Amino acid sequence: MTRTATMANPTLKRSLGLWAIVGLGLGYMTPMTVFDTFGYVSEASGGVVPLAYLVALVVMIFTAISYGRMTRVYPSAGSAYTYASETIHPNVGWIVGWTALLDYLLLPLVNALLVRQYLESFFPEVPGWIWVVGYVAVITLLNLWSISSTSRVNATLLIFQIVLIGVFIVLAWNALNQGAGNGTPFSLEPFWHANVQIMAVVSAATIVCFSFIGFDAITMYTEEAKDAHTVPKAIVLALVLGGLIFFTAAWFTQSLFPTDAGFEGTALPEIANSVGGIIFQIFFVSAAVAAAVASSLASHASVSRMIYVMGRNGTGPISHFFSFVHPKFRTPAVAVIFVGIVSLGAAVADLDFIFTLINFGALIAFTIVNLTVILHFAVRNKQVKGFAQVFRNIVLPLIGIALTVLLWLNLSGDAMLYGMLWLAVGFIVLASITRFFSRNLRMSFEEDAVIAEGDEGEAALNEADREVLHEQEQGGEPRP
């Protein structure tokens, strides 16, 4: 079972601690997004943006529990793709991975698009494509270099944007106490008022689900975590901390702007200028750029890992091409460059359209991950003895399935249409690579061979990995 990694067959490097992984998750989630999308969400929810975030957070918590449990069973960078492949069927897993690619591939593009819009607002005479090409090139090179460098840059940018959000809250508090907006930071109007419609809130929650995408991407760093057991904890920490930031920022923003105030496009620059004037606007937009960079680094890194695993588990020259790991940097080089090429689409893409597509893929992946918990623990391993096991292995994931399906059914018509078209293309591609389903895809847990940070030659499995693999062979869940 144990294999060693050599320079002739390089693998990903284990270099990430708990808080580095949490930071990548938060960077991926982009706390500043709450201001970018405020106008859309306020209009869709009827002026209760914090409630929409709370509804989305509740849905995500159930799914986060499922992700945490499955990453213990299958400690692979493939995330939902791996869980579905191992629990249901490799062909099903491939379709899930293809669907998830819809949101994972588009998130780096969204960040490049936001940066283009921010910079165009300051330098309207410069063609937008120039910003996109330069920005995407820098992000791609950083991800190609090493995951440790990506993590350090991400942490710095994340701290910067959290500090600026804190300054915004202080300025908003003062403005509310001076009579702006609702006239007080203690009004319940941002959370509930007479005109609230539940289905409108659910519809708005499908929009803000975009903001929470990132906690699930943490599973893609499993093969680069110093200890695979920290990943489930990192998932929950990132989700809770991100949810707290989103809810608090949304509360003060909604208090200041009880209606959507006619925001067009990203509302962030207008909100910043209204609260703190032009100087604060410059700093706040700078923080938004930092947030986009942090999210770009994290999302670019995670989706390239997913493409790497899908390529590693496939056959043929294309799969081998995408499973290439750079012998010096030990990063999935081809996958990283491919994501950079896709991100260049930010030069012409439309933000509203991309948002709708991202949530389609994410909610399908979330639903399937909840289902895999039931299939693995309740069906395959018969862990349904007593109330506790039934509750953990059936009830909790069923609630997660029901809530994610509810959000999925409330997606916009465009999201459903184009998402289904993407799914249809995935079936065609799968039929092609499996010769019309006459042969199965394979799964390969080559992450058994890991490189510890600082090792230049061979490295064997660490004890955490040995325990995970032993428990996996026994069909149970590793001990926490």
Protein backbone atom coordinates (compact mmCIF):
# COMPACT_ATOMS: atom_id res chain seq x y z
CA MET A 1 0.00 0.00 0.00
CA THR A 2 2.84 2.41 0.83
CA ARG A 3 4.71 4.03 -2.02
CA THR A 4 7.48 6.60 -1.99
CA ALA A 5 7.70 9.69 -4.09
CA THR A 6 10.78 10.30 -6.15
CA MET A 7 11.90 13.20 -8.26
CA ALA A 8 11.07 11.07 -11.30
CA ASN A 9 7.47 10.91 -10.13
CA PRO A 10 6.91 14.14 -8.18
CA THR A 11 3.86 14.65 -5.99
CA LEU A 12 2.23 17.52 -4.15
CA LYS A 13 4.08 18.84 -1.09
CA ARG A 14 2.61 18.69 2.43
CA SER A 15 3.25 22.19 3.74
CA LEU A 16 -0.06 23.66 4.97
CA GLY A 17 -1.05 23.96 8.63
CA LEU A 18 -4.57 24.42 10.02
CA TRP A 19 -4.72 28.21 9.88
CA ALA A 20 -3.04 28.36 6.49
CA ILE A 21 -5.87 26.18 5.15
CA VAL A 22 -8.52 28.24 6.96
CA GLY A 23 -6.96 31.36 5.47
CA LEU A 24 -7.10 29.90 1.97
CA GLY A 25 -10.76 29.03 2.53
CA LEU A 26 -11.60 32.54 3.74
CA GLY A 27 -9.58 34.07 0.94
CA TYR A 28 -11.53 31.94 -1.51
CA MET A 29 -14.84 33.07 0.04
CA THR A 30 -13.85 36.74 -0.39
CA PRO A 31 -15.38 38.63 2.57
CA MET A 32 -15.62 41.83 0.48
CA THR A 33 -18.15 40.11 -1.81
CA VAL A 34 -20.94 41.18 0.55
CA PHE A 35 -20.50 44.76 -0.70
CA ASP A 36 -20.10 43.87 -4.38
CA THR A 37 -23.40 41.98 -4.50
CA PHE A 38 -25.33 44.07 -1.96
CA GLY A 39 -27.52 45.82 -4.55
CA TYR A 40 -28.57 42.55 -6.23
CA VAL A 41 -29.26 40.75 -2.96
CA SER A 42 -31.11 43.65 -1.31
CA GLU A 43 -33.46 43.92 -4.27
CA ALA A 44 -34.00 40.13 -4.46
CA SER A 45 -34.57 39.68 -0.71
CA GLY A 46 -36.77 42.72 -0.18
CA GLY A 47 -34.24 44.53 1.99
CA VAL A 48 -33.13 41.75 4.37
CA VAL A 49 -29.66 40.83 3.13
CA PRO A 50 -28.48 39.58 6.57
CA LEU A 51 -31.39 37.10 6.66
CA ALA A 52 -30.45 35.80 3.20
CA TYR A 53 -26.89 35.19 4.42
CA LEU A 54 -28.17 33.44 7.54
CA VAL A 55 -30.39 31.10 5.50
CA ALA A 56 -27.47 30.27 3.20
CA LEU A 57 -25.18 29.69 6.19
CA VAL A 58 -27.60 27.21 7.76
CA VAL A 59 -27.72 25.26 4.49
CA MET A 60 -23.94 25.31 4.22
CA ILE A 61 -23.41 24.07 7.79
CA PHE A 62 -25.14 20.76 7.07
CA THR A 63 -23.13 20.36 3.89
CA ALA A 64 -19.88 21.34 5.65
CA ILE A 65 -20.41 18.51 8.14
CA SER A 66 -20.74 16.08 5.24
CA TYR A 67 -17.61 17.41 3.55
CA GLY A 68 -15.67 17.07 6.79
CA ARG A 69 -16.72 13.45 7.26
CA MET A 70 -16.00 12.42 3.68
CA THR A 71 -12.57 14.04 3.57
CA ARG A 72 -11.62 11.82 6.52
CA VAL A 73 -12.65 8.73 4.58
CA TYR A 74 -11.11 9.79 1.26
CA PRO A 75 -8.21 12.21 1.93
CA SER A 76 -7.84 13.23 -1.71
CA ALA A 77 -7.59 16.61 -3.43
CA GLY A 78 -10.52 15.62 -5.66
CA SER A 79 -13.27 16.69 -3.22
CA ALA A 80 -16.83 15.89 -4.40
CA TYR A 81 -15.44 14.20 -7.51
CA THR A 82 -13.54 11.67 -5.40
CA TYR A 83 -16.37 11.05 -2.92
CA ALA A 84 -18.92 10.35 -5.67
CA SER A 85 -16.46 8.19 -7.62
CA GLU A 86 -15.63 5.99 -4.64
CA THR A 87 -19.10 5.86 -3.09
CA ILE A 88 -21.35 5.66 -6.15
CA HIS A 89 -19.42 4.99 -9.38
CA PRO A 90 -16.39 6.52 -11.15
CA ASN A 91 -18.58 7.63 -14.05
CA VAL A 92 -20.96 9.40 -11.67
CA GLY A 93 -17.98 10.97 -9.94
CA TRP A 94 -16.70 12.26 -13.24
CA ILE A 95 -20.04 13.95 -13.98
CA VAL A 96 -20.06 15.47 -10.49
CA GLY A 97 -16.51 16.70 -11.05
CA TRP A 98 -17.49 18.13 -14.43
CA THR A 99 -20.46 19.94 -12.89
CA ALA A 100 -18.35 21.27 -10.02
CA LEU A 101 -15.83 22.56 -12.55
CA LEU A 102 -18.54 24.97 -13.67
CA ASP A 103 -18.19 26.96 -10.45
CA TYR A 104 -14.56 26.21 -9.59
CA LEU A 105 -13.28 27.21 -13.05
CA LEU A 106 -15.39 30.36 -13.17
CA LEU A 107 -14.45 31.73 -9.75
CA PRO A 108 -10.92 32.78 -10.77
CA LEU A 109 -12.52 34.38 -13.83
CA VAL A 110 -14.99 36.28 -11.63
CA ASN A 111 -12.18 37.71 -9.53
CA ALA A 112 -10.26 38.81 -12.61
CA LEU A 113 -13.47 40.43 -13.88
CA LEU A 114 -13.99 42.31 -10.59
CA VAL A 115 -10.41 43.57 -10.62
CA ARG A 116 -10.94 44.73 -14.21
CA GLN A 117 -14.05 46.68 -13.14
CA TYR A 118 -12.31 48.24 -10.12
CA LEU A 119 -9.31 49.39 -12.17
CA GLU A 120 -11.48 50.60 -15.05
CA SER A 121 -13.31 52.88 -12.60
CA PHE A 122 -9.99 54.58 -11.77
CA PHE A 123 -8.34 54.36 -15.22
CA PRO A 124 -11.19 54.40 -17.77
CA GLU A 125 -8.81 55.24 -20.62
CA VAL A 126 -6.95 51.91 -20.29
CA PRO A 127 -8.53 48.97 -22.20
CA GLY A 128 -9.92 46.39 -19.77
CA TRP A 129 -8.23 43.44 -21.46
CA ILE A 130 -4.81 44.82 -20.51
CA TRP A 131 -5.68 44.63 -16.81
CA VAL A 132 -7.02 41.11 -17.26
CA VAL A 133 -3.95 39.75 -19.05
CA GLY A 134 -1.50 41.27 -16.57
CA TYR A 135 -3.52 40.24 -13.53
CA VAL A 136 -4.11 36.65 -14.66
CA ALA A 137 -0.43 36.26 -15.54
CA VAL A 138 0.66 37.26 -12.01
CA ILE A 139 -1.89 34.97 -10.32
CA THR A 140 -0.91 32.04 -12.54
CA LEU A 141 2.81 32.48 -11.88
CA LEU A 142 2.30 32.66 -8.10
CA ASN A 143 0.26 29.45 -8.16
CA LEU A 144 2.84 27.80 -10.36
CA TRP A 145 5.62 28.72 -7.97
CA SER A 146 4.44 26.98 -4.77
CA ILE A 147 1.38 26.50 -2.57
CA SER A 148 3.32 27.84 0.45
CA SER A 149 3.99 31.14 -1.31
CA THR A 150 0.35 31.29 -2.40
CA SER A 151 -0.75 30.76 1.20
CA ARG A 152 1.50 33.51 2.58
CA VAL A 153 0.40 36.10 0.02
CA ASN A 154 -3.24 35.09 0.58
CA ALA A 155 -2.92 35.55 4.36
CA THR A 156 -1.51 39.07 3.98
CA LEU A 157 -4.28 40.14 1.62
CA LEU A 158 -6.95 38.52 3.80
CA ILE A 159 -5.82 40.44 6.89
CA PHE A 160 -5.85 43.70 4.92
CA GLN A 161 -9.46 43.28 3.79
CA ILE A 162 -10.69 42.20 7.26
CA VAL A 163 -9.09 45.32 8.78
CA LEU A 164 -10.86 47.53 6.21
CA ILE A 165 -14.19 45.78 6.90
CA GLY A 166 -13.62 46.57 10.58
CA VAL A 167 -13.04 50.23 9.73
CA PHE A 168 -16.24 50.22 7.64
CA ILE A 169 -18.24 48.87 10.61
CA VAL A 170 -16.88 51.64 12.87
CA LEU A 171 -17.76 54.33 10.30
CA ALA A 172 -21.19 52.80 9.74
CA TRP A 173 -21.85 52.68 13.50
CA ASN A 174 -21.06 56.38 13.80
CA ALA A 175 -23.19 57.27 10.76
CA LEU A 176 -26.17 55.31 12.09
CA ASN A 177 -25.93 56.99 15.48
CA GLN A 178 -26.00 60.34 13.68
CA GLY A 179 -29.28 59.49 11.97
CA ALA A 180 -28.19 57.89 8.69
CA GLY A 181 -30.20 54.97 7.28
CA ASN A 182 -32.33 53.37 9.98
CA GLY A 183 -30.97 55.86 12.52
CA THR A 184 -29.63 53.16 14.85
CA PRO A 185 -27.41 50.06 14.59
CA PHE A 186 -29.87 48.18 16.84
CA SER A 187 -32.90 48.19 14.52
CA LEU A 188 -34.24 44.77 13.51
CA GLU A 189 -35.33 46.13 10.11
CA PRO A 190 -32.27 44.62 8.31
CA PHE A 191 -33.34 41.18 9.54
CA TRP A 192 -37.13 41.27 9.43
CA HIS A 193 -39.91 43.70 8.55
CA ALA A 194 -43.55 43.60 7.52
CA ASN A 195 -42.90 43.19 3.79
CA VAL A 196 -40.55 40.20 4.02
CA GLN A 197 -41.50 37.28 1.75
CA ILE A 198 -39.94 33.92 2.60
CA MET A 199 -39.57 32.73 -1.00
CA ALA A 200 -37.87 36.01 -1.90
CA VAL A 201 -35.40 35.40 0.91
CA VAL A 202 -34.77 31.83 -0.34
CA SER A 203 -34.20 33.19 -3.84
CA ALA A 204 -31.74 35.73 -2.46
CA ALA A 205 -30.02 32.95 -0.50
CA THR A 206 -29.28 31.19 -3.81
CA ILE A 207 -27.36 34.33 -4.84
CA VAL A 208 -25.32 34.61 -1.66
CA CYS A 209 -24.45 30.90 -1.79
CA PHE A 210 -21.79 32.17 -4.17
CA SER A 211 -20.17 33.92 -1.21
CA PHE A 212 -19.80 30.68 0.76
CA ILE A 213 -18.13 28.71 -2.01
CA GLY A 214 -14.68 28.17 -0.60
CA PHE A 215 -15.28 26.06 2.49
CA ASP A 216 -15.76 23.03 0.20
CA ALA A 217 -12.66 23.92 -1.82
CA ILE A 218 -10.61 23.43 1.35
CA THR A 219 -10.89 19.68 0.76
CA MET A 220 -8.74 20.13 -2.34
CA TYR A 221 -5.76 20.99 -0.12
CA THR A 222 -5.98 17.62 1.66
CA GLU A 223 -2.90 16.26 -0.09
CA GLU A 224 -0.91 19.36 0.89
CA ALA A 225 -2.00 19.52 4.55
CA LYS A 226 0.70 18.70 7.07
CA ASP A 227 -1.91 16.61 8.90
CA ALA A 228 -4.94 15.37 6.94
CA HIS A 229 -6.99 15.37 10.17
CA THR A 230 -6.93 19.18 10.30
CA VAL A 231 -8.95 19.54 7.10
CA PRO A 232 -12.44 18.79 8.57
CA LYS A 233 -11.77 21.29 11.36
CA ALA A 234 -10.58 23.88 8.82
CA ILE A 235 -13.80 23.43 6.82
CA VAL A 236 -16.02 24.29 9.79
CA LEU A 237 -13.79 27.14 11.00
CA ALA A 238 -13.70 28.80 7.58
CA LEU A 239 -17.46 28.49 7.15
CA VAL A 240 -18.35 29.88 10.60
CA LEU A 241 -15.83 32.73 10.46
CA GLY A 242 -16.85 33.61 6.92
CA GLY A 243 -20.54 33.51 7.84
CA LEU A 244 -19.93 35.80 10.83
CA ILE A 245 -18.12 38.35 8.65
CA PHE A 246 -20.80 38.24 5.93
CA PHE A 247 -23.68 38.59 8.41
CA THR A 248 -22.11 41.49 10.34
CA ALA A 249 -21.08 43.43 7.23
CA ALA A 250 -24.51 42.85 5.66
CA TRP A 251 -26.26 44.02 8.84
CA PHE A 252 -24.51 47.40 8.90
CA THR A 253 -24.78 47.89 5.14
CA GLN A 254 -28.51 47.12 5.15
CA SER A 255 -28.97 49.44 8.13
CA LEU A 256 -27.33 52.27 6.19
CA PHE A 257 -29.23 51.48 2.97
CA PRO A 258 -32.70 50.15 3.89
CA THR A 259 -33.47 49.90 0.16
CA ASP A 260 -31.08 48.97 -2.66
CA ALA A 261 -30.62 52.72 -3.29
CA GLY A 262 -30.48 52.18 -7.05
CA PHE A 263 -27.07 50.52 -7.07
CA GLU A 264 -25.97 49.38 -10.52
CA GLY A 265 -23.26 46.74 -10.92
CA THR A 266 -20.92 46.42 -7.96
CA ALA A 267 -22.17 48.60 -5.11
CA LEU A 268 -18.88 48.63 -3.23
CA PRO A 269 -17.40 51.96 -4.45
CA GLU A 270 -20.66 53.84 -3.82
CA ILE A 271 -21.07 52.33 -0.35
CA ALA A 272 -17.51 53.25 0.59
CA ASN A 273 -17.84 56.81 -0.68
CA SER A 274 -21.15 57.30 1.14
CA VAL A 275 -19.71 56.13 4.46
CA GLY A 276 -16.20 57.59 4.45
CA GLY A 277 -15.71 59.87 1.46
CA ILE A 278 -13.19 59.64 -1.37
CA ILE A 279 -10.18 58.76 0.83
CA PHE A 280 -11.95 55.81 2.42
CA GLN A 281 -13.28 54.82 -1.00
CA ILE A 282 -9.73 54.52 -2.31
CA PHE A 283 -8.69 52.34 0.64
CA PHE A 284 -11.86 50.27 0.46
CA VAL A 285 -11.52 49.63 -3.26
CA SER A 286 -7.89 48.71 -2.60
CA ALA A 287 -9.12 46.19 -0.04
CA ALA A 288 -11.60 44.88 -2.60
CA VAL A 289 -8.77 44.39 -5.08
CA ALA A 290 -6.80 42.63 -2.33
CA ALA A 291 -9.83 40.42 -1.67
CA ALA A 292 -10.11 39.54 -5.34
CA VAL A 293 -6.40 38.71 -5.46
CA ALA A 294 -6.66 36.53 -2.36
CA SER A 295 -9.70 34.75 -3.77
CA SER A 296 -7.98 34.37 -7.14
CA LEU A 297 -4.96 32.74 -5.52
CA ALA A 298 -7.07 30.34 -3.45
CA SER A 299 -9.63 29.48 -6.14
CA HIS A 300 -6.97 29.10 -8.82
CA ALA A 301 -5.00 26.77 -6.55
CA SER A 302 -7.97 24.61 -5.59
CA VAL A 303 -9.48 24.10 -9.06
CA SER A 304 -6.08 23.23 -10.49
CA ARG A 305 -5.82 20.50 -7.83
CA MET A 306 -9.21 19.13 -8.86
CA ILE A 307 -8.24 19.08 -12.54
CA TYR A 308 -4.97 17.39 -11.54
CA VAL A 309 -6.80 14.60 -9.69
CA MET A 310 -9.31 14.10 -12.50
CA GLY A 311 -6.42 13.86 -14.94
CA ARG A 312 -4.49 11.50 -12.68
CA ASN A 313 -7.45 9.15 -12.51
CA GLY A 314 -8.12 9.18 -16.24
CA THR A 315 -6.41 7.48 -19.16
CA GLY A 316 -4.91 8.68 -22.39
CA PRO A 317 -2.64 11.59 -23.35
CA ILE A 318 -5.04 14.35 -22.25
CA SER A 319 -5.37 12.91 -18.73
CA HIS A 320 -1.62 12.43 -18.45
CA PHE A 321 -1.14 15.99 -19.67
CA PHE A 322 -3.29 17.47 -16.89
CA SER A 323 -1.79 15.22 -14.18
CA PHE A 324 1.71 16.63 -14.73
CA VAL A 325 3.42 17.86 -11.55
CA HIS A 326 6.36 20.23 -11.91
CA PRO A 327 9.47 18.39 -10.60
CA LYS A 328 10.92 21.49 -8.92
CA PHE A 329 7.88 23.41 -7.64
CA ARG A 330 5.75 20.29 -7.01
CA THR A 331 2.61 22.05 -8.22
CA PRO A 332 0.15 20.76 -10.89
CA ALA A 333 1.73 23.00 -13.52
CA VAL A 334 -0.37 22.19 -16.59
CA ALA A 335 -3.64 22.45 -14.63
CA VAL A 336 -2.53 25.79 -13.16
CA ILE A 337 -1.75 27.21 -16.61
CA PHE A 338 -5.04 25.89 -18.01
CA VAL A 339 -7.04 27.70 -15.30
CA GLY A 340 -5.12 30.87 -16.15
CA ILE A 341 -6.11 30.56 -19.80
CA VAL A 342 -9.80 30.15 -18.86
CA SER A 343 -9.56 33.20 -16.59
CA LEU A 344 -8.64 35.39 -19.56
CA GLY A 345 -12.35 35.23 -20.42
CA ALA A 346 -12.77 37.99 -17.82
CA ALA A 347 -11.92 40.45 -20.60
CA VAL A 348 -15.37 39.91 -22.15
CA ALA A 349 -17.50 38.07 -19.54
CA ASP A 350 -20.70 39.40 -17.92
CA LEU A 351 -20.74 39.28 -14.11
CA ASP A 352 -24.46 38.56 -13.61
CA PHE A 353 -24.38 35.65 -16.05
CA ILE A 354 -21.29 34.09 -14.43
CA PHE A 355 -22.87 34.31 -10.95
CA THR A 356 -25.86 32.25 -12.08
CA LEU A 357 -23.70 29.50 -13.57
CA ILE A 358 -21.46 29.22 -10.52
CA ASN A 359 -24.30 28.47 -8.12
CA PHE A 360 -25.74 25.77 -10.42
CA GLY A 361 -22.59 23.66 -10.23
CA ALA A 362 -21.92 24.29 -6.56
CA LEU A 363 -25.39 23.27 -5.35
CA ILE A 364 -25.30 20.02 -7.34
CA ALA A 365 -21.93 19.15 -5.83
CA PHE A 366 -23.21 19.97 -2.32
CA THR A 367 -26.25 17.72 -2.83
CA ILE A 368 -24.15 14.78 -4.00
CA VAL A 369 -21.69 15.10 -1.11
CA ASN A 370 -24.56 14.87 1.38
CA LEU A 371 -25.80 11.80 -0.50
CA THR A 372 -22.38 10.12 -0.33
CA VAL A 373 -22.46 10.31 3.47
CA ILE A 374 -25.67 8.25 3.51
CA LEU A 375 -24.34 5.76 0.96
CA HIS A 376 -20.97 5.30 2.64
CA PHE A 377 -21.91 5.15 6.30
CA ALA A 378 -25.54 3.99 6.34
CA VAL A 379 -25.72 1.77 3.25
CA ARG A 380 -22.23 0.42 2.68
CA ASN A 381 -21.01 0.16 6.28
CA LYS A 382 -24.41 -0.41 7.95
CA GLN A 383 -23.76 2.22 10.61
CA VAL A 384 -27.42 2.66 11.55
CA LYS A 385 -27.45 1.11 15.01
CA GLY A 386 -29.11 3.37 17.51
CA PHE A 387 -30.39 6.92 17.36
CA ALA A 388 -26.95 8.58 17.26
CA GLN A 389 -25.79 6.72 14.14
CA VAL A 390 -29.12 7.16 12.37
CA PHE A 391 -29.06 10.88 13.15
CA ARG A 392 -25.47 11.36 11.95
CA ASN A 393 -25.55 9.06 8.95
CA ILE A 394 -29.08 9.61 7.64
CA VAL A 395 -30.95 12.54 9.21
CA LEU A 396 -28.24 15.23 9.03
CA PRO A 397 -27.23 14.55 5.40
CA LEU A 398 -30.91 14.26 4.39
CA ILE A 399 -31.52 17.73 5.82
CA GLY A 400 -28.49 18.93 3.85
CA ILE A 401 -29.89 17.38 0.66
CA ALA A 402 -33.34 18.90 1.17
CA LEU A 403 -31.96 22.39 1.82
CA THR A 404 -29.53 22.40 -1.10
CA VAL A 405 -32.21 21.06 -3.48
CA LEU A 406 -34.54 23.83 -2.27
CA LEU A 407 -31.96 26.46 -3.17
CA TRP A 408 -31.17 24.72 -6.48
CA LEU A 409 -34.84 24.77 -7.51
CA ASN A 410 -34.93 28.51 -6.88
CA LEU A 411 -32.08 29.32 -9.25
CA SER A 412 -32.84 31.66 -12.13
CA GLY A 413 -34.06 30.34 -15.47
CA ASP A 414 -30.77 31.25 -17.17
CA ALA A 415 -28.80 29.34 -14.53
CA MET A 416 -30.91 26.22 -15.06
CA LEU A 417 -30.75 26.46 -18.86
CA TYR A 418 -27.04 26.99 -19.28
CA GLY A 419 -26.19 24.70 -16.36
CA MET A 420 -28.12 21.88 -18.01
CA LEU A 421 -26.32 22.55 -21.29
CA TRP A 422 -22.97 22.26 -19.46
CA LEU A 423 -24.16 19.02 -17.88
CA ALA A 424 -25.18 17.66 -21.30
CA VAL A 425 -21.73 18.45 -22.69
CA GLY A 426 -20.26 16.57 -19.73
CA PHE A 427 -22.25 13.45 -20.61
CA ILE A 428 -21.03 13.66 -24.20
CA VAL A 429 -17.41 13.97 -23.09
CA LEU A 430 -17.82 11.09 -20.63
CA ALA A 431 -19.35 8.90 -23.34
CA SER A 432 -16.39 9.67 -25.54
CA ILE A 433 -13.65 8.86 -23.04
CA THR A 434 -15.42 5.68 -21.86
CA ARG A 435 -16.19 4.56 -25.46
CA PHE A 436 -19.91 4.93 -24.89
CA PHE A 437 -19.68 3.54 -21.33
CA SER A 438 -18.09 0.25 -22.46
CA ARG A 439 -15.25 0.79 -19.99
CA ASN A 440 -15.08 2.37 -16.56
CA LEU A 441 -12.91 5.18 -15.38
CA ARG A 442 -10.42 4.28 -12.70
CA MET A 443 -9.63 5.79 -9.34
CA SER A 444 -6.05 6.18 -8.17
CA PHE A 445 -5.03 7.23 -4.68
CA GLU A 446 -1.56 8.36 -5.65
CA GLU A 447 -1.74 10.89 -2.84
CA ASP A 448 -0.42 8.01 -0.68
CA ALA A 449 2.98 9.24 -1.85
CA VAL A 450 3.55 12.59 -0.22
CA ILE A 451 6.42 15.00 0.13
CA ALA A 452 6.91 16.68 3.48
CA GLU A 453 7.98 20.30 3.41
CA GLY A 454 11.74 20.56 3.26
CA ASP A 455 12.29 17.05 1.88
CA GLU A 456 14.23 17.03 -1.36
CA GLY A 457 14.38 13.30 -1.92
CA GLU A 458 12.10 10.46 -0.90
CA ALA A 459 9.42 10.65 1.78
CA ALA A 460 7.16 7.94 3.15
CA LEU A 461 3.63 8.29 4.45
CA ASN A 462 3.35 10.19 7.70
CA GLU A 463 1.51 8.68 10.61
CA ALA A 464 -1.67 10.66 10.00
CA ASP A 465 -1.89 9.36 6.46
CA ARG A 466 -1.22 5.80 7.58
CA GLU A 467 -4.10 6.00 10.05
CA VAL A 468 -6.46 7.46 7.46
CA LEU A 469 -5.61 4.77 4.93
CA HIS A 470 -5.89 2.01 7.52
CA GLU A 471 -9.35 3.19 8.57
CA GLN A 472 -10.36 3.52 4.93
CA GLU A 473 -9.35 -0.10 4.28
CA GLN A 474 -11.43 -1.17 7.27
CA GLY A 475 -14.47 0.64 5.83
CA GLY A 476 -14.91 2.97 8.78
CA GLU A 477 -14.36 6.61 9.59
CA PRO A 478 -10.93 7.64 10.93
CA ARG A 479 -10.71 8.71 14.51
CA PRO A 480 -10.67 12.48 15.05
